[in-house]
Amino acid sequence: MFGAAKLLSYVEDDYGGVKVEMKEAMDSATFVSMLRASISHWREQGKKGVWIKLPIELVNLVEPAVVEGFWYHHAEPKYIMLVYWIPQSAHTIPANASHRVSVGVVVMNEKDELLVVQEKTGTFGGTGVWKFPTGVVDEGEDICAAAVREVKEETGIDAEFMEVLAFRQSHRMFFQKSGLFFVCLAQPLSFDIRKQDSEIEAAQWMPFQEYAKQPYCQKTEVVQYVIEICSAKKNGKYSGFAPVPTTSSFSDQKSYLYLDSHFRRRQ
């Protein structure tokens, strides 16, 4: 039945499946004919998962693919990824990314003053609470780079990343996804504050003890832990995790391994 039908262009993945990246426009009937022929061909080859990447311009092909048994895996601004499982068994296709990564940055000067901000919007907007600069890590951005960027964006202060002091995992947060929040330590390289007008109500250097005495800090357990960690760090009784550039067997691209800042690898 499908012998004369043209197949969709595809590449094999590393897990016994195939990947299709649609680029050219076509009508639904042609697409369905090619899709059915392709699935028949892949089934004969013993393939498992089928991934179809549809650019937003080809949105007309989403419905016919879903009718054929595909389901949504994830969506980005310029494409939708659909998946299909060929074997008559429970699928092993991994779920979409489940976490959002964000940072909070402790910046302290030689006077034991913390760099703190008041936000105009969000959870803390209009509350008068002074907090560390915080923000979301961008796609493809390292945690250490995000920490330096957020400090610069919110306060105008140049900083050097030092360590990850701690991190927290939480669930059912942004769009019901989980979150990883990294508490980072950075050293200031400049001291004159130029706050971000669009998001930040105020920014200043605040004595550490004054920050810690805020009612919000006193009643929030996770903040109390951070305050205690900062106190221990000031007294040389706590070691965070410093970034070390590394490569892996999967890629020559540099990534960071965060480890005890006092650790020295034996050469």
C-alpha atoms as a PDB file:
ATOM      1  CA  MET A   1       0.000   0.000   0.000  1.00  0.00           C
ATOM      2  CA  PHE A   2       2.790   2.374   0.954  1.00  0.00           C
ATOM      3  CA  GLY A   3       5.497   1.079  -1.350  1.00  0.00           C
ATOM      4  CA  ALA A   4       5.302   3.924  -3.855  1.00  0.00           C
ATOM      5  CA  ALA A   5       4.805   6.662  -1.292  1.00  0.00           C
ATOM      6  CA  LYS A   6       7.634   9.057  -0.626  1.00  0.00           C
ATOM      7  CA  LEU A   7       9.234   8.966   2.814  1.00  0.00           C
ATOM      8  CA  LEU A   8       9.931  11.904   5.093  1.00  0.00           C
ATOM      9  CA  SER A   9      13.589  12.905   5.367  1.00  0.00           C
ATOM     10  CA  TYR A  10      15.029  11.740   8.677  1.00  0.00           C
ATOM     11  CA  VAL A  11      18.163  10.970  10.646  1.00  0.00           C
ATOM     12  CA  GLU A  12      18.636   8.207  13.192  1.00  0.00           C
ATOM     13  CA  ASP A  13      19.133   9.154  16.829  1.00  0.00           C
ATOM     14  CA  ASP A  14      21.348   7.397  19.385  1.00  0.00           C
ATOM     15  CA  TYR A  15      18.477   5.523  21.040  1.00  0.00           C
ATOM     16  CA  GLY A  16      16.966   3.451  18.269  1.00  0.00           C
ATOM     17  CA  GLY A  17      14.637   6.153  17.025  1.00  0.00           C
ATOM     18  CA  VAL A  18      14.478   8.743  14.252  1.00  0.00           C
ATOM     19  CA  LYS A  19      14.342  12.531  14.037  1.00  0.00           C
ATOM     20  CA  VAL A  20      12.427  14.443  11.372  1.00  0.00           C
ATOM     21  CA  GLU A  21      12.917  18.167  10.898  1.00  0.00           C
ATOM     22  CA  MET A  22      10.214  19.559   8.645  1.00  0.00           C
ATOM     23  CA  LYS A  23      11.297  22.539   6.568  1.00  0.00           C
ATOM     24  CA  GLU A  24       9.154  22.707   3.442  1.00  0.00           C
ATOM     25  CA  ALA A  25       5.464  23.564   3.361  1.00  0.00           C
ATOM     26  CA  MET A  26       3.028  20.883   2.196  1.00  0.00           C
ATOM     27  CA  ASP A  27      -0.676  20.175   2.389  1.00  0.00           C
ATOM     28  CA  SER A  28      -2.095  17.917   5.082  1.00  0.00           C
ATOM     29  CA  ALA A  29      -3.017  15.061   2.727  1.00  0.00           C
ATOM     30  CA  THR A  30       0.513  14.815   1.315  1.00  0.00           C
ATOM     31  CA  PHE A  31       2.001  14.986   4.799  1.00  0.00           C
ATOM     32  CA  VAL A  32      -0.240  12.209   6.139  1.00  0.00           C
ATOM     33  CA  SER A  33       0.575   9.955   3.177  1.00  0.00           C
ATOM     34  CA  MET A  34       4.322  10.442   3.697  1.00  0.00           C
ATOM     35  CA  LEU A  35       3.986  10.071   7.469  1.00  0.00           C
ATOM     36  CA  ARG A  36       2.109   6.762   7.235  1.00  0.00           C
ATOM     37  CA  ALA A  37       4.602   5.385   4.723  1.00  0.00           C
ATOM     38  CA  SER A  38       7.508   6.507   6.892  1.00  0.00           C
ATOM     39  CA  ILE A  39       6.123   4.940  10.076  1.00  0.00           C
ATOM     40  CA  SER A  40       5.544   1.668   8.195  1.00  0.00           C
ATOM     41  CA  HIS A  41       9.155   1.796   6.983  1.00  0.00           C
ATOM     42  CA  TRP A  42      10.519   2.594  10.452  1.00  0.00           C
ATOM     43  CA  ARG A  43       8.450  -0.169  12.008  1.00  0.00           C
ATOM     44  CA  GLU A  44       9.995  -2.684   9.605  1.00  0.00           C
ATOM     45  CA  GLN A  45      13.422  -1.388  10.614  1.00  0.00           C
ATOM     46  CA  GLY A  46      12.635  -1.894  14.305  1.00  0.00           C
ATOM     47  CA  LYS A  47      12.759   1.801  15.155  1.00  0.00           C
ATOM     48  CA  LYS A  48      11.185   3.075  18.368  1.00  0.00           C
ATOM     49  CA  GLY A  49      10.649   6.759  19.041  1.00  0.00           C
ATOM     50  CA  VAL A  50       9.826   9.248  16.276  1.00  0.00           C
ATOM     51  CA  TRP A  51      10.523  12.947  16.811  1.00  0.00           C
ATOM     52  CA  ILE A  52       9.033  15.503  14.427  1.00  0.00           C
ATOM     53  CA  LYS A  53      10.141  19.123  14.705  1.00  0.00           C
ATOM     54  CA  LEU A  54       7.587  21.440  13.135  1.00  0.00           C
ATOM     55  CA  PRO A  55       8.514  25.099  12.652  1.00  0.00           C
ATOM     56  CA  ILE A  56       5.770  27.519  13.568  1.00  0.00           C
ATOM     57  CA  GLU A  57       5.181  28.233   9.867  1.00  0.00           C
ATOM     58  CA  LEU A  58       3.982  24.629   9.378  1.00  0.00           C
ATOM     59  CA  VAL A  59       1.387  24.717  12.148  1.00  0.00           C
ATOM     60  CA  ASN A  60      -1.167  23.276   9.687  1.00  0.00           C
ATOM     61  CA  LEU A  61       0.560  19.877  10.076  1.00  0.00           C
ATOM     62  CA  VAL A  62       0.086  19.661  13.838  1.00  0.00           C
ATOM     63  CA  GLU A  63      -3.510  18.418  13.789  1.00  0.00           C
ATOM     64  CA  PRO A  64      -2.993  15.655  11.185  1.00  0.00           C
ATOM     65  CA  ALA A  65       0.068  14.435  13.099  1.00  0.00           C
ATOM     66  CA  VAL A  66      -1.916  14.299  16.335  1.00  0.00           C
ATOM     67  CA  VAL A  67      -4.704  12.386  14.566  1.00  0.00           C
ATOM     68  CA  GLU A  68      -2.062   9.825  13.499  1.00  0.00           C
ATOM     69  CA  GLY A  69      -1.087   9.269  17.132  1.00  0.00           C
ATOM     70  CA  PHE A  70       1.618  11.862  17.807  1.00  0.00           C
ATOM     71  CA  TRP A  71       1.581  13.922  21.004  1.00  0.00           C
ATOM     72  CA  TYR A  72       3.174  17.165  22.150  1.00  0.00           C
ATOM     73  CA  HIS A  73       6.593  16.879  23.754  1.00  0.00           C
ATOM     74  CA  HIS A  74       7.548  20.535  24.043  1.00  0.00           C
ATOM     75  CA  ALA A  75       7.238  23.893  22.342  1.00  0.00           C
ATOM     76  CA  GLU A  76       9.658  26.758  21.826  1.00  0.00           C
ATOM     77  CA  PRO A  77       9.046  30.211  20.309  1.00  0.00           C
ATOM     78  CA  LYS A  78       9.788  29.002  16.774  1.00  0.00           C
ATOM     79  CA  TYR A  79       8.848  25.311  16.729  1.00  0.00           C
ATOM     80  CA  ILE A  80       6.770  22.489  18.202  1.00  0.00           C
ATOM     81  CA  MET A  81       8.215  19.043  18.901  1.00  0.00           C
ATOM     82  CA  LEU A  82       5.877  16.067  18.450  1.00  0.00           C
ATOM     83  CA  VAL A  83       6.656  12.452  19.359  1.00  0.00           C
ATOM     84  CA  TYR A  84       5.352   8.983  18.513  1.00  0.00           C
ATOM     85  CA  TRP A  85       6.172   5.526  19.890  1.00  0.00           C
ATOM     86  CA  ILE A  86       6.141   2.684  17.355  1.00  0.00           C
ATOM     87  CA  PRO A  87       6.439  -0.520  19.481  1.00  0.00           C
ATOM     88  CA  GLN A  88       3.376  -1.989  21.181  1.00  0.00           C
ATOM     89  CA  SER A  89       4.827  -1.320  24.607  1.00  0.00           C
ATOM     90  CA  ALA A  90       5.086   1.470  27.163  1.00  0.00           C
ATOM     91  CA  HIS A  91       7.192   4.257  25.727  1.00  0.00           C
ATOM     92  CA  THR A  92      10.552   5.300  27.185  1.00  0.00           C
ATOM     93  CA  ILE A  93      10.632   8.795  25.684  1.00  0.00           C
ATOM     94  CA  PRO A  94      12.032  11.202  28.299  1.00  0.00           C
ATOM     95  CA  ALA A  95       9.810  13.989  29.533  1.00  0.00           C
ATOM     96  CA  ASN A  96      10.456  17.604  28.599  1.00  0.00           C
ATOM     97  CA  ALA A  97      12.828  19.655  30.747  1.00  0.00           C
ATOM     98  CA  SER A  98      11.292  19.836  34.217  1.00  0.00           C
ATOM     99  CA  HIS A  99      13.289  22.552  35.992  1.00  0.00           C
ATOM    100  CA  ARG A 100      13.877  26.266  35.803  1.00  0.00           C
ATOM    101  CA  VAL A 101      17.237  27.461  37.175  1.00  0.00           C
ATOM    102  CA  SER A 102      17.610  30.748  39.035  1.00  0.00           C
ATOM    103  CA  VAL A 103      20.221  32.468  41.197  1.00  0.00           C
ATOM    104  CA  GLY A 104      20.374  34.699  44.231  1.00  0.00           C
ATOM    105  CA  VAL A 105      23.650  36.548  44.710  1.00  0.00           C
ATOM    106  CA  VAL A 106      25.318  37.503  47.987  1.00  0.00           C
ATOM    107  CA  VAL A 107      27.661  40.434  47.390  1.00  0.00           C
ATOM    108  CA  MET A 108      29.470  41.766  50.482  1.00  0.00           C
ATOM    109  CA  ASN A 109      32.037  44.560  50.705  1.00  0.00           C
ATOM    110  CA  GLU A 110      34.909  44.982  53.159  1.00  0.00           C
ATOM    111  CA  LYS A 111      32.647  46.900  55.568  1.00  0.00           C
ATOM    112  CA  ASP A 112      30.427  43.816  56.033  1.00  0.00           C
ATOM    113  CA  GLU A 113      27.725  45.493  53.980  1.00  0.00           C
ATOM    114  CA  LEU A 114      25.464  43.503  51.678  1.00  0.00           C
ATOM    115  CA  LEU A 115      24.297  44.646  48.260  1.00  0.00           C
ATOM    116  CA  VAL A 116      20.493  44.550  48.499  1.00  0.00           C
ATOM    117  CA  VAL A 117      17.542  45.657  46.403  1.00  0.00           C
ATOM    118  CA  GLN A 118      13.827  46.335  46.684  1.00  0.00           C
ATOM    119  CA  GLU A 119      11.782  45.114  43.723  1.00  0.00           C
ATOM    120  CA  LYS A 120       8.935  46.991  42.009  1.00  0.00           C
ATOM    121  CA  THR A 121       6.972  43.904  40.987  1.00  0.00           C
ATOM    122  CA  GLY A 122       6.635  40.204  41.757  1.00  0.00           C
ATOM    123  CA  THR A 123       6.306  38.565  45.162  1.00  0.00           C
ATOM    124  CA  PHE A 124       8.299  41.286  46.911  1.00  0.00           C
ATOM    125  CA  GLY A 125       6.963  44.255  44.962  1.00  0.00           C
ATOM    126  CA  GLY A 126       5.743  46.975  47.318  1.00  0.00           C
ATOM    127  CA  THR A 127       6.595  45.007  50.483  1.00  0.00           C
ATOM    128  CA  GLY A 128       9.633  47.054  51.494  1.00  0.00           C
ATOM    129  CA  VAL A 129      11.706  43.870  51.865  1.00  0.00           C
ATOM    130  CA  TRP A 130      15.401  44.216  51.091  1.00  0.00           C
ATOM    131  CA  LYS A 131      16.735  41.137  49.307  1.00  0.00           C
ATOM    132  CA  PHE A 132      19.705  39.856  47.332  1.00  0.00           C
ATOM    133  CA  PRO A 133      19.776  40.405  43.558  1.00  0.00           C
ATOM    134  CA  THR A 134      18.045  37.421  41.960  1.00  0.00           C
ATOM    135  CA  GLY A 135      17.073  36.235  38.510  1.00  0.00           C
ATOM    136  CA  VAL A 136      16.583  33.374  36.061  1.00  0.00           C
ATOM    137  CA  VAL A 137      19.507  31.730  34.289  1.00  0.00           C
ATOM    138  CA  ASP A 138      19.177  32.217  30.528  1.00  0.00           C
ATOM    139  CA  GLU A 139      19.247  29.306  28.091  1.00  0.00           C
ATOM    140  CA  GLY A 140      22.866  28.307  27.438  1.00  0.00           C
ATOM    141  CA  GLU A 141      24.141  30.482  30.310  1.00  0.00           C
ATOM    142  CA  ASP A 142      26.364  29.183  33.107  1.00  0.00           C
ATOM    143  CA  ILE A 143      25.292  29.736  36.714  1.00  0.00           C
ATOM    144  CA  CYS A 144      28.434  31.739  37.452  1.00  0.00           C
ATOM    145  CA  ALA A 145      27.840  34.017  34.459  1.00  0.00           C
ATOM    146  CA  ALA A 146      24.164  34.490  35.345  1.00  0.00           C
ATOM    147  CA  ALA A 147      25.060  35.594  38.871  1.00  0.00           C
ATOM    148  CA  VAL A 148      27.449  38.272  37.613  1.00  0.00           C
ATOM    149  CA  ARG A 149      24.943  39.418  34.978  1.00  0.00           C
ATOM    150  CA  GLU A 150      22.036  39.738  37.408  1.00  0.00           C
ATOM    151  CA  VAL A 151      24.087  41.832  39.832  1.00  0.00           C
ATOM    152  CA  LYS A 152      25.162  44.123  37.018  1.00  0.00           C
ATOM    153  CA  GLU A 153      21.654  44.443  35.560  1.00  0.00           C
ATOM    154  CA  GLU A 154      19.898  45.192  38.844  1.00  0.00           C
ATOM    155  CA  THR A 155      22.501  47.369  40.580  1.00  0.00           C
ATOM    156  CA  GLY A 156      25.155  48.409  38.062  1.00  0.00           C
ATOM    157  CA  ILE A 157      27.810  46.770  40.267  1.00  0.00           C
ATOM    158  CA  ASP A 158      30.590  44.796  38.592  1.00  0.00           C
ATOM    159  CA  ALA A 159      31.305  41.580  40.458  1.00  0.00           C
ATOM    160  CA  GLU A 160      33.499  38.492  40.319  1.00  0.00           C
ATOM    161  CA  PHE A 161      31.854  35.141  40.916  1.00  0.00           C
ATOM    162  CA  MET A 162      33.368  33.222  43.827  1.00  0.00           C
ATOM    163  CA  GLU A 163      31.264  30.241  44.897  1.00  0.00           C
ATOM    164  CA  VAL A 164      27.927  28.490  45.037  1.00  0.00           C
ATOM    165  CA  LEU A 165      27.111  28.618  48.739  1.00  0.00           C
ATOM    166  CA  ALA A 166      24.021  26.411  48.658  1.00  0.00           C
ATOM    167  CA  PHE A 167      21.111  25.398  46.442  1.00  0.00           C
ATOM    168  CA  ARG A 168      17.451  24.547  46.886  1.00  0.00           C
ATOM    169  CA  GLN A 169      15.117  22.360  44.857  1.00  0.00           C
ATOM    170  CA  SER A 170      11.411  23.205  44.944  1.00  0.00           C
ATOM    171  CA  HIS A 171       8.396  21.860  43.072  1.00  0.00           C
ATOM    172  CA  ARG A 172       5.189  23.062  41.416  1.00  0.00           C
ATOM    173  CA  MET A 173       6.516  26.539  40.895  1.00  0.00           C
ATOM    174  CA  PHE A 174       6.711  28.320  37.525  1.00  0.00           C
ATOM    175  CA  PHE A 175       4.076  26.725  35.208  1.00  0.00           C
ATOM    176  CA  GLN A 176       3.960  23.824  37.683  1.00  0.00           C
ATOM    177  CA  LYS A 177       7.596  22.990  36.955  1.00  0.00           C
ATOM    178  CA  SER A 178      10.292  22.347  39.536  1.00  0.00           C
ATOM    179  CA  GLY A 179      12.974  24.885  40.292  1.00  0.00           C
ATOM    180  CA  LEU A 180      16.646  24.904  41.238  1.00  0.00           C
ATOM    181  CA  PHE A 181      17.735  28.041  43.098  1.00  0.00           C
ATOM    182  CA  PHE A 182      21.473  28.590  43.580  1.00  0.00           C
ATOM    183  CA  VAL A 183      22.694  30.909  46.330  1.00  0.00           C
ATOM    184  CA  CYS A 184      25.918  32.389  44.981  1.00  0.00           C
ATOM    185  CA  LEU A 185      28.735  34.449  46.481  1.00  0.00           C
ATOM    186  CA  ALA A 186      30.335  37.222  44.437  1.00  0.00           C
ATOM    187  CA  GLN A 187      33.024  39.771  45.220  1.00  0.00           C
ATOM    188  CA  PRO A 188      32.327  43.395  44.257  1.00  0.00           C
ATOM    189  CA  LEU A 189      34.707  45.011  41.780  1.00  0.00           C
ATOM    190  CA  SER A 190      32.919  48.376  41.842  1.00  0.00           C
ATOM    191  CA  PHE A 191      30.851  50.108  44.505  1.00  0.00           C
ATOM    192  CA  ASP A 192      28.793  52.932  42.983  1.00  0.00           C
ATOM    193  CA  ILE A 193      25.215  51.707  42.563  1.00  0.00           C
ATOM    194  CA  ARG A 194      23.228  52.495  39.416  1.00  0.00           C
ATOM    195  CA  LYS A 195      19.945  50.646  39.861  1.00  0.00           C
ATOM    196  CA  GLN A 196      17.796  49.225  37.094  1.00  0.00           C
ATOM    197  CA  ASP A 197      14.837  51.607  36.834  1.00  0.00           C
ATOM    198  CA  SER A 198      12.383  49.217  35.185  1.00  0.00           C
ATOM    199  CA  GLU A 199      12.396  46.492  37.870  1.00  0.00           C
ATOM    200  CA  ILE A 200      14.226  47.816  40.932  1.00  0.00           C
ATOM    201  CA  GLU A 201      12.630  50.297  43.350  1.00  0.00           C
ATOM    202  CA  ALA A 202      15.812  50.882  45.357  1.00  0.00           C
ATOM    203  CA  ALA A 203      19.308  49.461  45.848  1.00  0.00           C
ATOM    204  CA  GLN A 204      21.913  50.055  48.533  1.00  0.00           C
ATOM    205  CA  TRP A 205      24.762  48.688  50.603  1.00  0.00           C
ATOM    206  CA  MET A 206      23.255  47.547  53.918  1.00  0.00           C
ATOM    207  CA  PRO A 207      25.054  46.403  57.097  1.00  0.00           C
ATOM    208  CA  PHE A 208      24.826  42.637  57.351  1.00  0.00           C
ATOM    209  CA  GLN A 209      23.167  42.686  60.773  1.00  0.00           C
ATOM    210  CA  GLU A 210      20.562  45.205  59.625  1.00  0.00           C
ATOM    211  CA  TYR A 211      19.643  42.938  56.730  1.00  0.00           C
ATOM    212  CA  ALA A 212      19.396  39.921  59.045  1.00  0.00           C
ATOM    213  CA  LYS A 213      17.053  41.750  61.459  1.00  0.00           C
ATOM    214  CA  GLN A 214      14.329  42.315  58.869  1.00  0.00           C
ATOM    215  CA  PRO A 215      11.057  40.665  59.970  1.00  0.00           C
ATOM    216  CA  TYR A 216      10.929  38.748  56.685  1.00  0.00           C
ATOM    217  CA  CYS A 217      14.401  37.320  57.299  1.00  0.00           C
ATOM    218  CA  GLN A 218      13.572  36.438  60.899  1.00  0.00           C
ATOM    219  CA  LYS A 219      10.482  34.422  60.007  1.00  0.00           C
ATOM    220  CA  THR A 220      11.687  32.715  56.791  1.00  0.00           C
ATOM    221  CA  GLU A 221      13.585  29.495  57.475  1.00  0.00           C
ATOM    222  CA  VAL A 222      15.463  29.290  54.174  1.00  0.00           C
ATOM    223  CA  VAL A 223      16.690  32.888  54.584  1.00  0.00           C
ATOM    224  CA  GLN A 224      17.812  32.097  58.121  1.00  0.00           C
ATOM    225  CA  TYR A 225      19.952  29.279  56.744  1.00  0.00           C
ATOM    226  CA  VAL A 226      21.493  31.633  54.174  1.00  0.00           C
ATOM    227  CA  ILE A 227      22.260  34.193  56.889  1.00  0.00           C
ATOM    228  CA  GLU A 228      23.947  31.527  59.005  1.00  0.00           C
ATOM    229  CA  ILE A 229      25.929  30.295  55.998  1.00  0.00           C
ATOM    230  CA  CYS A 230      27.085  33.850  55.253  1.00  0.00           C
ATOM    231  CA  SER A 231      28.138  34.319  58.884  1.00  0.00           C
ATOM    232  CA  ALA A 232      30.083  31.066  58.815  1.00  0.00           C
ATOM    233  CA  LYS A 233      31.689  32.037  55.512  1.00  0.00           C
ATOM    234  CA  LYS A 234      32.796  35.405  56.936  1.00  0.00           C
ATOM    235  CA  ASN A 235      34.453  33.559  59.843  1.00  0.00           C
ATOM    236  CA  GLY A 236      36.223  31.049  57.601  1.00  0.00           C
ATOM    237  CA  LYS A 237      34.060  28.141  58.772  1.00  0.00           C
ATOM    238  CA  TYR A 238      32.256  27.323  55.539  1.00  0.00           C
ATOM    239  CA  SER A 239      33.395  26.343  52.067  1.00  0.00           C
ATOM    240  CA  GLY A 240      31.206  26.711  49.013  1.00  0.00           C
ATOM    241  CA  PHE A 241      31.579  25.263  45.533  1.00  0.00           C
ATOM    242  CA  ALA A 242      33.796  27.038  43.017  1.00  0.00           C
ATOM    243  CA  PRO A 243      33.502  26.549  39.230  1.00  0.00           C
ATOM    244  CA  VAL A 244      36.218  24.551  37.460  1.00  0.00           C
ATOM    245  CA  PRO A 245      36.199  24.438  33.616  1.00  0.00           C
ATOM    246  CA  THR A 246      36.017  20.845  32.366  1.00  0.00           C
ATOM    247  CA  THR A 247      35.258  18.791  29.266  1.00  0.00           C
ATOM    248  CA  SER A 248      33.525  15.429  28.976  1.00  0.00           C
ATOM    249  CA  SER A 249      33.681  12.409  26.689  1.00  0.00           C
ATOM    250  CA  PHE A 250      30.451  13.605  25.029  1.00  0.00           C
ATOM    251  CA  SER A 251      31.617  17.062  23.991  1.00  0.00           C
ATOM    252  CA  ASP A 252      34.748  19.192  23.693  1.00  0.00           C
ATOM    253  CA  GLN A 253      32.742  22.189  24.825  1.00  0.00           C
ATOM    254  CA  LYS A 254      33.807  23.561  28.194  1.00  0.00           C
ATOM    255  CA  SER A 255      31.374  23.287  31.087  1.00  0.00           C
ATOM    256  CA  TYR A 256      31.772  23.949  34.790  1.00  0.00           C
ATOM    257  CA  LEU A 257      32.103  21.423  37.584  1.00  0.00           C
ATOM    258  CA  TYR A 258      31.316  23.075  40.924  1.00  0.00           C
ATOM    259  CA  LEU A 259      33.345  21.654  43.809  1.00  0.00           C
ATOM    260  CA  ASP A 260      34.656  22.499  47.270  1.00  0.00           C
ATOM    261  CA  SER A 261      36.587  25.746  46.882  1.00  0.00           C
ATOM    262  CA  HIS A 262      39.388  24.399  49.101  1.00  0.00           C
ATOM    263  CA  PHE A 263      39.835  21.242  47.034  1.00  0.00           C
ATOM    264  CA  ARG A 264      43.074  21.005  45.088  1.00  0.00           C
ATOM    265  CA  ARG A 265      43.387  18.249  42.523  1.00  0.00           C
ATOM    266  CA  ARG A 266      46.582  16.196  42.683  1.00  0.00           C
ATOM    267  CA  GLN A 267      48.588  16.566  39.479  1.00  0.00           C
END
